[in-house]
PDB file of N, CA and C in Angstrom:
ATOM      1  N   UNK A   1      16.301 -14.506  -5.097  1.00  0.00           N
ATOM      2  CA  UNK A   1      14.868 -14.447  -5.298  1.00  0.00           C
ATOM      3  C   UNK A   1      14.205 -15.556  -4.486  1.00  0.00           C
ATOM      4  N   UNK A   2      13.165 -15.203  -3.744  1.00  0.00           N
ATOM      5  CA  UNK A   2      12.441 -16.183  -2.952  1.00  0.00           C
ATOM      6  C   UNK A   2      11.276 -16.732  -3.767  1.00  0.00           C
ATOM      7  N   UNK A   3      11.343 -17.982  -4.120  1.00  0.00           N
ATOM      8  CA  UNK A   3      10.231 -18.609  -4.827  1.00  0.00           C
ATOM      9  C   UNK A   3       9.471 -19.507  -3.866  1.00  0.00           C
ATOM     10  N   UNK A   4       8.191 -19.343  -3.814  1.00  0.00           N
ATOM     11  CA  UNK A   4       7.295 -20.172  -3.007  1.00  0.00           C
ATOM     12  C   UNK A   4       7.564 -20.057  -1.516  1.00  0.00           C
ATOM     13  N   UNK A   5       8.330 -19.083  -1.082  1.00  0.00           N
ATOM     14  CA  UNK A   5       8.510 -18.808   0.341  1.00  0.00           C
ATOM     15  C   UNK A   5       8.046 -17.380   0.562  1.00  0.00           C
ATOM     16  N   UNK A   6       6.804 -17.229   0.845  1.00  0.00           N
ATOM     17  CA  UNK A   6       6.201 -15.903   0.927  1.00  0.00           C
ATOM     18  C   UNK A   6       6.497 -15.269   2.274  1.00  0.00           C
ATOM     19  N   UNK A   7       6.889 -14.000   2.227  1.00  0.00           N
ATOM     20  CA  UNK A   7       7.105 -13.236   3.447  1.00  0.00           C
ATOM     21  C   UNK A   7       5.819 -12.556   3.887  1.00  0.00           C
ATOM     22  N   UNK A   8       5.037 -12.099   2.922  1.00  0.00           N
ATOM     23  CA  UNK A   8       3.838 -11.329   3.211  1.00  0.00           C
ATOM     24  C   UNK A   8       2.727 -11.742   2.258  1.00  0.00           C
ATOM     25  N   UNK A   9       1.523 -11.650   2.751  1.00  0.00           N
ATOM     26  CA  UNK A   9       0.344 -11.819   1.900  1.00  0.00           C
ATOM     27  C   UNK A   9      -0.333 -10.465   1.841  1.00  0.00           C
ATOM     28  N   UNK A  10      -0.669 -10.036   0.631  1.00  0.00           N
ATOM     29  CA  UNK A  10      -1.296  -8.737   0.488  1.00  0.00           C
ATOM     30  C   UNK A  10      -2.151  -8.731  -0.757  1.00  0.00           C
ATOM     31  N   UNK A  11      -2.927  -7.680  -0.882  1.00  0.00           N
ATOM     32  CA  UNK A  11      -3.769  -7.497  -2.055  1.00  0.00           C
ATOM     33  C   UNK A  11      -3.221  -6.332  -2.860  1.00  0.00           C
ATOM     34  N   UNK A  12      -2.904  -6.578  -4.108  1.00  0.00           N
ATOM     35  CA  UNK A  12      -2.475  -5.532  -5.030  1.00  0.00           C
ATOM     36  C   UNK A  12      -3.672  -5.187  -5.898  1.00  0.00           C
ATOM     37  N   UNK A  13      -4.106  -3.950  -5.811  1.00  0.00           N
ATOM     38  CA  UNK A  13      -5.292  -3.531  -6.552  1.00  0.00           C
ATOM     39  C   UNK A  13      -4.836  -2.579  -7.656  1.00  0.00           C
ATOM     40  N   UNK A  14      -4.986  -3.019  -8.894  1.00  0.00           N
ATOM     41  CA  UNK A  14      -4.530  -2.191 -10.021  1.00  0.00           C
ATOM     42  C   UNK A  14      -5.631  -1.289 -10.546  1.00  0.00           C
ATOM     43  N   UNK A  15      -6.877  -1.662 -10.344  1.00  0.00           N
ATOM     44  CA  UNK A  15      -7.983  -0.812 -10.774  1.00  0.00           C
ATOM     45  C   UNK A  15      -8.225   0.273  -9.730  1.00  0.00           C
ATOM     46  N   UNK A  16      -8.791   1.374 -10.179  1.00  0.00           N
ATOM     47  CA  UNK A  16      -9.138   2.439  -9.251  1.00  0.00           C
ATOM     48  C   UNK A  16     -10.184   1.928  -8.265  1.00  0.00           C
ATOM     49  N   UNK A  17      -9.972   2.218  -6.987  1.00  0.00           N
ATOM     50  CA  UNK A  17     -10.939   1.794  -5.980  1.00  0.00           C
ATOM     51  C   UNK A  17     -12.128   2.743  -5.975  1.00  0.00           C
ATOM     52  N   UNK A  18     -13.302   2.155  -5.951  1.00  0.00           N
ATOM     53  CA  UNK A  18     -14.546   2.914  -5.862  1.00  0.00           C
ATOM     54  C   UNK A  18     -15.567   1.997  -5.194  1.00  0.00           C
ATOM     55  N   UNK A  19     -16.807   2.414  -5.129  1.00  0.00           N
ATOM     56  CA  UNK A  19     -17.821   1.641  -4.414  1.00  0.00           C
ATOM     57  C   UNK A  19     -17.938   0.212  -4.932  1.00  0.00           C
ATOM     58  N   UNK A  20     -17.669  -0.001  -6.203  1.00  0.00           N
ATOM     59  CA  UNK A  20     -17.793  -1.343  -6.775  1.00  0.00           C
ATOM     60  C   UNK A  20     -16.581  -2.222  -6.589  1.00  0.00           C
ATOM     61  N   UNK A  21     -15.410  -1.643  -6.263  1.00  0.00           N
ATOM     62  CA  UNK A  21     -14.195  -2.459  -6.152  1.00  0.00           C
ATOM     63  C   UNK A  21     -13.581  -2.470  -4.761  1.00  0.00           C
ATOM     64  N   UNK A  22     -13.983  -1.553  -3.899  1.00  0.00           N
ATOM     65  CA  UNK A  22     -13.361  -1.458  -2.578  1.00  0.00           C
ATOM     66  C   UNK A  22     -13.574  -2.742  -1.761  1.00  0.00           C
ATOM     67  N   UNK A  23     -14.620  -3.487  -2.055  1.00  0.00           N
ATOM     68  CA  UNK A  23     -14.895  -4.735  -1.341  1.00  0.00           C
ATOM     69  C   UNK A  23     -13.803  -5.784  -1.484  1.00  0.00           C
ATOM     70  N   UNK A  24     -12.967  -5.667  -2.528  1.00  0.00           N
ATOM     71  CA  UNK A  24     -11.866  -6.613  -2.701  1.00  0.00           C
ATOM     72  C   UNK A  24     -10.883  -6.550  -1.536  1.00  0.00           C
ATOM     73  N   UNK A  25     -10.878  -5.452  -0.801  1.00  0.00           N
ATOM     74  CA  UNK A  25      -9.969  -5.283   0.329  1.00  0.00           C
ATOM     75  C   UNK A  25     -10.505  -5.917   1.609  1.00  0.00           C
ATOM     76  N   UNK A  26     -11.753  -6.351   1.602  1.00  0.00           N
ATOM     77  CA  UNK A  26     -12.361  -6.929   2.795  1.00  0.00           C
ATOM     78  C   UNK A  26     -11.566  -8.134   3.279  1.00  0.00           C
ATOM     79  N   UNK A  27     -11.261  -8.134   4.559  1.00  0.00           N
ATOM     80  CA  UNK A  27     -10.537  -9.247   5.158  1.00  0.00           C
ATOM     81  C   UNK A  27      -9.031  -9.183   4.999  1.00  0.00           C
ATOM     82  N   UNK A  28      -8.531  -8.160   4.339  1.00  0.00           N
ATOM     83  CA  UNK A  28      -7.087  -8.006   4.158  1.00  0.00           C
ATOM     84  C   UNK A  28      -6.552  -7.020   5.181  1.00  0.00           C
ATOM     85  N   UNK A  29      -5.301  -7.189   5.554  1.00  0.00           N
ATOM     86  CA  UNK A  29      -4.677  -6.225   6.451  1.00  0.00           C
ATOM     87  C   UNK A  29      -3.857  -5.201   5.697  1.00  0.00           C
ATOM     88  N   UNK A  30      -3.389  -5.549   4.496  1.00  0.00           N
ATOM     89  CA  UNK A  30      -2.582  -4.619   3.702  1.00  0.00           C
ATOM     90  C   UNK A  30      -3.134  -4.518   2.295  1.00  0.00           C
ATOM     91  N   UNK A  31      -3.138  -3.306   1.769  1.00  0.00           N
ATOM     92  CA  UNK A  31      -3.578  -3.053   0.403  1.00  0.00           C
ATOM     93  C   UNK A  31      -2.492  -2.224  -0.280  1.00  0.00           C
ATOM     94  N   UNK A  32      -2.131  -2.624  -1.482  1.00  0.00           N
ATOM     95  CA  UNK A  32      -1.164  -1.894  -2.288  1.00  0.00           C
ATOM     96  C   UNK A  32      -1.895  -1.257  -3.449  1.00  0.00           C
ATOM     97  N   UNK A  33      -1.695   0.025  -3.626  1.00  0.00           N
ATOM     98  CA  UNK A  33      -2.366   0.771  -4.693  1.00  0.00           C
ATOM     99  C   UNK A  33      -1.337   1.370  -5.637  1.00  0.00           C
ATOM    100  N   UNK A  34      -1.653   1.412  -6.897  1.00  0.00           N
ATOM    101  CA  UNK A  34      -0.769   2.047  -7.872  1.00  0.00           C
ATOM    102  C   UNK A  34      -0.737   3.555  -7.714  1.00  0.00           C
ATOM    103  N   UNK A  35      -1.822   4.149  -7.244  1.00  0.00           N
ATOM    104  CA  UNK A  35      -1.947   5.585  -7.311  1.00  0.00           C
ATOM    105  C   UNK A  35      -2.481   6.166  -6.003  1.00  0.00           C
ATOM    106  N   UNK A  36      -1.634   6.875  -5.272  1.00  0.00           N
ATOM    107  CA  UNK A  36      -2.051   7.494  -4.009  1.00  0.00           C
ATOM    108  C   UNK A  36      -3.124   8.549  -4.227  1.00  0.00           C
ATOM    109  N   UNK A  37      -3.174   9.113  -5.430  1.00  0.00           N
ATOM    110  CA  UNK A  37      -4.186  10.122  -5.714  1.00  0.00           C
ATOM    111  C   UNK A  37      -5.595   9.544  -5.659  1.00  0.00           C
ATOM    112  N   UNK A  38      -5.711   8.200  -5.732  1.00  0.00           N
ATOM    113  CA  UNK A  38      -7.023   7.559  -5.627  1.00  0.00           C
ATOM    114  C   UNK A  38      -7.551   7.546  -4.199  1.00  0.00           C
ATOM    115  N   UNK A  39      -6.674   7.767  -3.222  1.00  0.00           N
ATOM    116  CA  UNK A  39      -7.107   7.730  -1.826  1.00  0.00           C
ATOM    117  C   UNK A  39      -7.959   8.946  -1.497  1.00  0.00           C
ATOM    118  N   UNK A  40      -8.966   8.722  -0.691  1.00  0.00           N
ATOM    119  CA  UNK A  40      -9.846   9.793  -0.238  1.00  0.00           C
ATOM    120  C   UNK A  40     -10.267   9.463   1.191  1.00  0.00           C
ATOM    121  N   UNK A  41     -10.777  10.440   1.920  1.00  0.00           N
ATOM    122  CA  UNK A  41     -11.278  10.125   3.262  1.00  0.00           C
ATOM    123  C   UNK A  41     -12.330   9.015   3.233  1.00  0.00           C
ATOM    124  N   UNK A  42     -13.241   9.040   2.262  1.00  0.00           N
ATOM    125  CA  UNK A  42     -14.263   7.993   2.159  1.00  0.00           C
ATOM    126  C   UNK A  42     -13.610   6.624   1.972  1.00  0.00           C
ATOM    127  N   UNK A  43     -12.637   6.539   1.079  1.00  0.00           N
ATOM    128  CA  UNK A  43     -11.977   5.269   0.808  1.00  0.00           C
ATOM    129  C   UNK A  43     -11.228   4.763   2.040  1.00  0.00           C
ATOM    130  N   UNK A  44     -10.535   5.647   2.745  1.00  0.00           N
ATOM    131  CA  UNK A  44      -9.820   5.227   3.952  1.00  0.00           C
ATOM    132  C   UNK A  44     -10.797   4.744   5.024  1.00  0.00           C
ATOM    133  N   UNK A  45     -11.940   5.395   5.128  1.00  0.00           N
ATOM    134  CA  UNK A  45     -12.956   4.935   6.084  1.00  0.00           C
ATOM    135  C   UNK A  45     -13.451   3.539   5.702  1.00  0.00           C
ATOM    136  N   UNK A  46     -13.680   3.311   4.417  1.00  0.00           N
ATOM    137  CA  UNK A  46     -14.126   1.998   3.950  1.00  0.00           C
ATOM    138  C   UNK A  46     -13.063   0.937   4.237  1.00  0.00           C
ATOM    139  N   UNK A  47     -11.805   1.240   3.908  1.00  0.00           N
ATOM    140  CA  UNK A  47     -10.725   0.279   4.150  1.00  0.00           C
ATOM    141  C   UNK A  47     -10.610  -0.040   5.637  1.00  0.00           C
ATOM    142  N   UNK A  48     -10.708   0.981   6.472  1.00  0.00           N
ATOM    143  CA  UNK A  48     -10.650   0.766   7.916  1.00  0.00           C
ATOM    144  C   UNK A  48     -11.809  -0.110   8.385  1.00  0.00           C
ATOM    145  N   UNK A  49     -12.998   0.095   7.821  1.00  0.00           N
ATOM    146  CA  UNK A  49     -14.159  -0.714   8.227  1.00  0.00           C
ATOM    147  C   UNK A  49     -13.989  -2.179   7.828  1.00  0.00           C
ATOM    148  N   UNK A  50     -13.172  -2.440   6.799  1.00  0.00           N
ATOM    149  CA  UNK A  50     -12.889  -3.813   6.367  1.00  0.00           C
ATOM    150  C   UNK A  50     -11.741  -4.431   7.153  1.00  0.00           C
ATOM    151  N   UNK A  51     -11.120  -3.669   8.054  1.00  0.00           N
ATOM    152  CA  UNK A  51     -10.015  -4.193   8.849  1.00  0.00           C
ATOM    153  C   UNK A  51      -8.642  -3.967   8.247  1.00  0.00           C
ATOM    154  N   UNK A  52      -8.562  -3.217   7.169  1.00  0.00           N
ATOM    155  CA  UNK A  52      -7.261  -2.917   6.571  1.00  0.00           C
ATOM    156  C   UNK A  52      -6.465  -2.053   7.540  1.00  0.00           C
ATOM    157  N   UNK A  53      -5.213  -2.433   7.752  1.00  0.00           N
ATOM    158  CA  UNK A  53      -4.362  -1.699   8.686  1.00  0.00           C
ATOM    159  C   UNK A  53      -3.214  -0.982   7.998  1.00  0.00           C
ATOM    160  N   UNK A  54      -2.892  -1.399   6.765  1.00  0.00           N
ATOM    161  CA  UNK A  54      -1.739  -0.842   6.065  1.00  0.00           C
ATOM    162  C   UNK A  54      -2.091  -0.541   4.617  1.00  0.00           C
ATOM    163  N   UNK A  55      -1.648   0.615   4.135  1.00  0.00           N
ATOM    164  CA  UNK A  55      -1.788   0.974   2.730  1.00  0.00           C
ATOM    165  C   UNK A  55      -0.432   1.450   2.233  1.00  0.00           C
ATOM    166  N   UNK A  56       0.031   0.839   1.150  1.00  0.00           N
ATOM    167  CA  UNK A  56       1.224   1.316   0.452  1.00  0.00           C
ATOM    168  C   UNK A  56       0.744   1.758  -0.920  1.00  0.00           C
ATOM    169  N   UNK A  57       1.024   3.020  -1.264  1.00  0.00           N
ATOM    170  CA  UNK A  57       0.509   3.572  -2.518  1.00  0.00           C
ATOM    171  C   UNK A  57       1.623   4.234  -3.302  1.00  0.00           C
ATOM    172  N   UNK A  58       1.591   4.032  -4.594  1.00  0.00           N
ATOM    173  CA  UNK A  58       2.516   4.722  -5.484  1.00  0.00           C
ATOM    174  C   UNK A  58       2.014   6.126  -5.746  1.00  0.00           C
ATOM    175  N   UNK A  59       2.940   7.010  -6.080  1.00  0.00           N
ATOM    176  CA  UNK A  59       2.557   8.388  -6.335  1.00  0.00           C
ATOM    177  C   UNK A  59       3.556   9.021  -7.293  1.00  0.00           C
ATOM    178  N   UNK A  60       3.047   9.763  -8.263  1.00  0.00           N
ATOM    179  CA  UNK A  60       3.912  10.480  -9.192  1.00  0.00           C
ATOM    180  C   UNK A  60       3.995  11.958  -8.846  1.00  0.00           C
ATOM    181  N   UNK A  61       3.284  12.372  -7.831  1.00  0.00           N
ATOM    182  CA  UNK A  61       3.246  13.776  -7.428  1.00  0.00           C
ATOM    183  C   UNK A  61       3.982  13.945  -6.108  1.00  0.00           C
ATOM    184  N   UNK A  62       4.577  15.108  -5.921  1.00  0.00           N
ATOM    185  CA  UNK A  62       5.234  15.375  -4.641  1.00  0.00           C
ATOM    186  C   UNK A  62       4.288  16.061  -3.668  1.00  0.00           C
ATOM    187  N   UNK A  63       3.085  16.400  -4.125  1.00  0.00           N
ATOM    188  CA  UNK A  63       2.096  17.065  -3.280  1.00  0.00           C
ATOM    189  C   UNK A  63       0.970  16.081  -2.990  1.00  0.00           C
ATOM    190  N   UNK A  64       0.784  15.776  -1.716  1.00  0.00           N
ATOM    191  CA  UNK A  64      -0.251  14.831  -1.311  1.00  0.00           C
ATOM    192  C   UNK A  64      -1.279  15.543  -0.440  1.00  0.00           C
ATOM    193  N   UNK A  65      -2.513  15.057  -0.446  1.00  0.00           N
ATOM    194  CA  UNK A  65      -3.544  15.667   0.399  1.00  0.00           C
ATOM    195  C   UNK A  65      -3.185  15.561   1.885  1.00  0.00           C
ATOM    196  N   UNK A  66      -3.582  16.564   2.663  1.00  0.00           N
ATOM    197  CA  UNK A  66      -3.281  16.595   4.093  1.00  0.00           C
ATOM    198  C   UNK A  66      -3.848  15.399   4.835  1.00  0.00           C
ATOM    199  N   UNK A  67      -5.002  14.885   4.406  1.00  0.00           N
ATOM    200  CA  UNK A  67      -5.630  13.797   5.153  1.00  0.00           C
ATOM    201  C   UNK A  67      -4.767  12.534   5.175  1.00  0.00           C
ATOM    202  N   UNK A  68      -3.815  12.399   4.249  1.00  0.00           N
ATOM    203  CA  UNK A  68      -2.948  11.217   4.252  1.00  0.00           C
ATOM    204  C   UNK A  68      -1.979  11.222   5.423  1.00  0.00           C
ATOM    205  N   UNK A  69      -1.702  12.377   5.990  1.00  0.00           N
ATOM    206  CA  UNK A  69      -0.776  12.447   7.119  1.00  0.00           C
ATOM    207  C   UNK A  69      -1.494  12.338   8.462  1.00  0.00           C
ATOM    208  N   UNK A  70      -2.795  12.310   8.440  1.00  0.00           N
ATOM    209  CA  UNK A  70      -3.566  12.212   9.676  1.00  0.00           C
ATOM    210  C   UNK A  70      -3.742  10.745  10.062  1.00  0.00           C
ATOM    211  N   UNK A  71      -3.822  10.508  11.345  1.00  0.00           N
ATOM    212  CA  UNK A  71      -3.949   9.138  11.829  1.00  0.00           C
ATOM    213  C   UNK A  71      -5.372   8.829  12.284  1.00  0.00           C
ATOM    214  N   UNK A  72      -6.353   9.496  11.722  1.00  0.00           N
ATOM    215  CA  UNK A  72      -7.731   9.327  12.193  1.00  0.00           C
ATOM    216  C   UNK A  72      -8.381   8.031  11.715  1.00  0.00           C
ATOM    217  N   UNK A  73      -7.756   7.326  10.788  1.00  0.00           N
ATOM    218  CA  UNK A  73      -8.367   6.120  10.239  1.00  0.00           C
ATOM    219  C   UNK A  73      -7.800   4.847  10.851  1.00  0.00           C
ATOM    220  N   UNK A  74      -6.737   4.965  11.626  1.00  0.00           N
ATOM    221  CA  UNK A  74      -6.117   3.778  12.214  1.00  0.00           C
ATOM    222  C   UNK A  74      -5.388   2.933  11.182  1.00  0.00           C
ATOM    223  N   UNK A  75      -5.014   3.536  10.070  1.00  0.00           N
ATOM    224  CA  UNK A  75      -4.317   2.835   8.991  1.00  0.00           C
ATOM    225  C   UNK A  75      -2.950   3.486   8.816  1.00  0.00           C
ATOM    226  N   UNK A  76      -1.913   2.657   8.778  1.00  0.00           N
ATOM    227  CA  UNK A  76      -0.582   3.171   8.452  1.00  0.00           C
ATOM    228  C   UNK A  76      -0.518   3.326   6.932  1.00  0.00           C
ATOM    229  N   UNK A  77      -0.066   4.498   6.485  1.00  0.00           N
ATOM    230  CA  UNK A  77      -0.011   4.788   5.057  1.00  0.00           C
ATOM    231  C   UNK A  77       1.419   5.150   4.684  1.00  0.00           C
ATOM    232  N   UNK A  78       1.916   4.524   3.643  1.00  0.00           N
ATOM    233  CA  UNK A  78       3.225   4.869   3.110  1.00  0.00           C
ATOM    234  C   UNK A  78       3.071   5.116   1.611  1.00  0.00           C
ATOM    235  N   UNK A  79       3.714   6.163   1.136  1.00  0.00           N
ATOM    236  CA  UNK A  79       3.632   6.522  -0.280  1.00  0.00           C
ATOM    237  C   UNK A  79       5.020   6.382  -0.898  1.00  0.00           C
ATOM    238  N   UNK A  80       5.076   5.696  -2.025  1.00  0.00           N
ATOM    239  CA  UNK A  80       6.331   5.463  -2.745  1.00  0.00           C
ATOM    240  C   UNK A  80       6.288   6.243  -4.052  1.00  0.00           C
ATOM    241  N   UNK A  81       7.341   6.982  -4.330  1.00  0.00           N
ATOM    242  CA  UNK A  81       7.422   7.700  -5.601  1.00  0.00           C
ATOM    243  C   UNK A  81       7.591   6.681  -6.723  1.00  0.00           C
ATOM    244  N   UNK A  82       6.609   6.572  -7.590  1.00  0.00           N
ATOM    245  CA  UNK A  82       6.688   5.637  -8.720  1.00  0.00           C
ATOM    246  C   UNK A  82       6.641   6.374 -10.049  1.00  0.00           C
ATOM    247  N   UNK A  83       6.963   7.663 -10.006  1.00  0.00           N
ATOM    248  CA  UNK A  83       6.969   8.460 -11.227  1.00  0.00           C
ATOM    249  C   UNK A  83       8.242   8.250 -12.025  1.00  0.00           C
ATOM    250  N   UNK A  84       8.247   8.670 -13.274  1.00  0.00           N
ATOM    251  CA  UNK A  84       9.412   8.495 -14.125  1.00  0.00           C
ATOM    252  C   UNK A  84      10.633   9.222 -13.559  1.00  0.00           C
ATOM    253  N   UNK A  85      11.789   8.582 -13.667  1.00  0.00           N
ATOM    254  CA  UNK A  85      13.048   9.147 -13.205  1.00  0.00           C
ATOM    255  C   UNK A  85      14.028   9.104 -14.371  1.00  0.00           C
ATOM    256  N   UNK A  86      14.687  10.218 -14.635  1.00  0.00           N
ATOM    257  CA  UNK A  86      15.645  10.256 -15.737  1.00  0.00           C
ATOM    258  C   UNK A  86      16.721   9.182 -15.560  1.00  0.00           C
ATOM    259  N   UNK A  87      16.974   8.429 -16.612  1.00  0.00           N
ATOM    260  CA  UNK A  87      18.021   7.415 -16.590  1.00  0.00           C
ATOM    261  C   UNK A  87      17.601   6.088 -15.995  1.00  0.00           C
ATOM    262  N   UNK A  88      16.370   5.970 -15.543  1.00  0.00           N
ATOM    263  CA  UNK A  88      15.881   4.728 -14.942  1.00  0.00           C
ATOM    264  C   UNK A  88      14.833   4.131 -15.864  1.00  0.00           C
ATOM    265  N   UNK A  89      15.017   2.874 -16.233  1.00  0.00           N
ATOM    266  CA  UNK A  89      14.041   2.216 -17.098  1.00  0.00           C
ATOM    267  C   UNK A  89      12.792   1.866 -16.305  1.00  0.00           C
ATOM    268  N   UNK A  90      11.722   1.599 -17.009  1.00  0.00           N
ATOM    269  CA  UNK A  90      10.467   1.207 -16.363  1.00  0.00           C
ATOM    270  C   UNK A  90      10.658  -0.062 -15.548  1.00  0.00           C
ATOM    271  N   UNK A  91      11.385  -1.033 -16.075  1.00  0.00           N
ATOM    272  CA  UNK A  91      11.581  -2.284 -15.335  1.00  0.00           C
ATOM    273  C   UNK A  91      12.414  -2.047 -14.074  1.00  0.00           C
ATOM    274  N   UNK A  92      13.405  -1.157 -14.146  1.00  0.00           N
ATOM    275  CA  UNK A  92      14.187  -0.832 -12.941  1.00  0.00           C
ATOM    276  C   UNK A  92      13.321  -0.123 -11.905  1.00  0.00           C
ATOM    277  N   UNK A  93      12.470   0.780 -12.377  1.00  0.00           N
ATOM    278  CA  UNK A  93      11.568   1.484 -11.476  1.00  0.00           C
ATOM    279  C   UNK A  93      10.595   0.497 -10.821  1.00  0.00           C
ATOM    280  N   UNK A  94      10.064  -0.436 -11.595  1.00  0.00           N
ATOM    281  CA  UNK A  94       9.153  -1.445 -11.039  1.00  0.00           C
ATOM    282  C   UNK A  94       9.857  -2.294  -9.987  1.00  0.00           C
ATOM    283  N   UNK A  95      11.106  -2.667 -10.234  1.00  0.00           N
ATOM    284  CA  UNK A  95      11.865  -3.445  -9.238  1.00  0.00           C
ATOM    285  C   UNK A  95      12.087  -2.627  -7.970  1.00  0.00           C
ATOM    286  N   UNK A  96      12.388  -1.329  -8.139  1.00  0.00           N
ATOM    287  CA  UNK A  96      12.569  -0.465  -6.984  1.00  0.00           C
ATOM    288  C   UNK A  96      11.289  -0.387  -6.161  1.00  0.00           C
ATOM    289  N   UNK A  97      10.159  -0.154  -6.835  1.00  0.00           N
ATOM    290  CA  UNK A  97       8.874  -0.035  -6.133  1.00  0.00           C
ATOM    291  C   UNK A  97       8.548  -1.337  -5.404  1.00  0.00           C
ATOM    292  N   UNK A  98       8.780  -2.482  -6.047  1.00  0.00           N
ATOM    293  CA  UNK A  98       8.516  -3.777  -5.399  1.00  0.00           C
ATOM    294  C   UNK A  98       9.414  -3.955  -4.174  1.00  0.00           C
ATOM    295  N   UNK A  99      10.704  -3.654  -4.311  1.00  0.00           N
ATOM    296  CA  UNK A  99      11.634  -3.805  -3.185  1.00  0.00           C
ATOM    297  C   UNK A  99      11.276  -2.849  -2.050  1.00  0.00           C
ATOM    298  N   UNK A 100      10.904  -1.626  -2.383  1.00  0.00           N
ATOM    299  CA  UNK A 100      10.532  -0.646  -1.366  1.00  0.00           C
ATOM    300  C   UNK A 100       9.248  -1.064  -0.652  1.00  0.00           C
ATOM    301  N   UNK A 101       8.302  -1.613  -1.388  1.00  0.00           N
ATOM    302  CA  UNK A 101       7.059  -2.102  -0.780  1.00  0.00           C
ATOM    303  C   UNK A 101       7.357  -3.196   0.229  1.00  0.00           C
ATOM    304  N   UNK A 102       8.180  -4.161  -0.148  1.00  0.00           N
ATOM    305  CA  UNK A 102       8.547  -5.251   0.776  1.00  0.00           C
ATOM    306  C   UNK A 102       9.295  -4.692   1.981  1.00  0.00           C
ATOM    307  N   UNK A 103      10.177  -3.724   1.767  1.00  0.00           N
ATOM    308  CA  UNK A 103      10.914  -3.117   2.882  1.00  0.00           C
ATOM    309  C   UNK A 103       9.940  -2.475   3.872  1.00  0.00           C
ATOM    310  N   UNK A 104       8.952  -1.749   3.361  1.00  0.00           N
ATOM    311  CA  UNK A 104       7.963  -1.103   4.224  1.00  0.00           C
ATOM    312  C   UNK A 104       7.151  -2.150   4.989  1.00  0.00           C
ATOM    313  N   UNK A 105       6.691  -3.194   4.300  1.00  0.00           N
ATOM    314  CA  UNK A 105       5.937  -4.260   4.972  1.00  0.00           C
ATOM    315  C   UNK A 105       6.791  -4.950   6.029  1.00  0.00           C
ATOM    316  N   UNK A 106       8.069  -5.147   5.752  1.00  0.00           N
ATOM    317  CA  UNK A 106       8.988  -5.737   6.736  1.00  0.00           C
ATOM    318  C   UNK A 106       9.082  -4.871   7.990  1.00  0.00           C
ATOM    319  N   UNK A 107       9.196  -3.553   7.787  1.00  0.00           N
ATOM    320  CA  UNK A 107       9.278  -2.633   8.930  1.00  0.00           C
ATOM    321  C   UNK A 107       8.017  -2.716   9.767  1.00  0.00           C
ATOM    322  N   UNK A 108       6.864  -2.658   9.114  1.00  0.00           N
ATOM    323  CA  UNK A 108       5.608  -2.724   9.865  1.00  0.00           C
ATOM    324  C   UNK A 108       5.467  -4.054  10.582  1.00  0.00           C
ATOM    325  N   UNK A 109       5.851  -5.149   9.949  1.00  0.00           N
ATOM    326  CA  UNK A 109       5.753  -6.465  10.579  1.00  0.00           C
ATOM    327  C   UNK A 109       6.695  -6.568  11.767  1.00  0.00           C
ATOM    328  N   UNK A 110       7.870  -5.964  11.664  1.00  0.00           N
ATOM    329  CA  UNK A 110       8.857  -6.029  12.741  1.00  0.00           C
ATOM    330  C   UNK A 110       8.446  -5.204  13.959  1.00  0.00           C
ATOM    331  N   UNK A 111       7.466  -4.341  13.795  1.00  0.00           N
ATOM    332  CA  UNK A 111       7.011  -3.533  14.923  1.00  0.00           C
ATOM    333  C   UNK A 111       6.255  -4.369  15.941  1.00  0.00           C
ATOM    334  N   UNK A 112       6.025  -5.634  15.614  1.00  0.00           N
ATOM    335  CA  UNK A 112       5.530  -6.575  16.593  1.00  0.00           C
ATOM    336  C   UNK A 112       4.037  -6.754  16.684  1.00  0.00           C
ATOM    337  N   UNK A 113       3.253  -5.910  16.031  1.00  0.00           N
ATOM    338  CA  UNK A 113       1.816  -6.047  16.213  1.00  0.00           C
ATOM    339  C   UNK A 113       1.199  -7.108  15.322  1.00  0.00           C
ATOM    340  N   UNK A 114       1.973  -7.722  14.427  1.00  0.00           N
ATOM    341  CA  UNK A 114       1.422  -8.728  13.554  1.00  0.00           C
ATOM    342  C   UNK A 114       2.166 -10.066  13.628  1.00  0.00           C
ATOM    343  N   UNK A 115       3.065 -10.207  14.587  1.00  0.00           N
ATOM    344  CA  UNK A 115       3.818 -11.443  14.738  1.00  0.00           C
ATOM    345  C   UNK A 115       4.457 -11.860  13.412  1.00  0.00           C
ATOM    346  N   UNK A 116       5.094 -10.898  12.734  1.00  0.00           N
ATOM    347  CA  UNK A 116       5.808 -11.097  11.467  1.00  0.00           C
ATOM    348  C   UNK A 116       4.920 -11.553  10.314  1.00  0.00           C
ATOM    349  N   UNK A 117       3.646 -11.274  10.392  1.00  0.00           N
ATOM    350  CA  UNK A 117       2.767 -11.573   9.263  1.00  0.00           C
ATOM    351  C   UNK A 117       1.888 -10.352   9.029  1.00  0.00           C
ATOM    352  N   UNK A 118       2.096  -9.705   7.900  1.00  0.00           N
ATOM    353  CA  UNK A 118       1.378  -8.465   7.631  1.00  0.00           C
ATOM    354  C   UNK A 118      -0.078  -8.750   7.307  1.00  0.00           C
ATOM    355  N   UNK A 119      -0.374  -9.825   6.594  1.00  0.00           N
ATOM    356  CA  UNK A 119      -1.766 -10.127   6.228  1.00  0.00           C
ATOM    357  C   UNK A 119      -2.128 -11.553   6.577  1.00  0.00           C
ATOM    358  N   UNK A 120      -3.371 -11.731   6.938  1.00  0.00           N
ATOM    359  CA  UNK A 120      -3.848 -13.083   7.215  1.00  0.00           C
ATOM    360  C   UNK A 120      -4.361 -13.717   5.957  1.00  0.00           C
TER     361      UNK A 120
END
């Protein structure tokens, strides 16, 4: 476990994003959302206008809107299955989601466009 040695800085938003909360993403390069179903074209446009480049979102559904696969917003989007899995405890699932999120951020950082820092 890495204590006090941060690999990435990001914003984890647990509340649903809407006109009153989307401003919390301003100035961030990465946003983590609990629920991919909260994403919409309007929200992606807002995040892009704030300079957000990466979105990692949890999802309990296997069916996602088509706009999430489009690259028209200039934002890389990754969706992690965070739905219940038989035989997996909630704490194990949370650890998996956290590890998968870091793995995704590591991949994006290694692509060289952020000099190994996902967020400023």
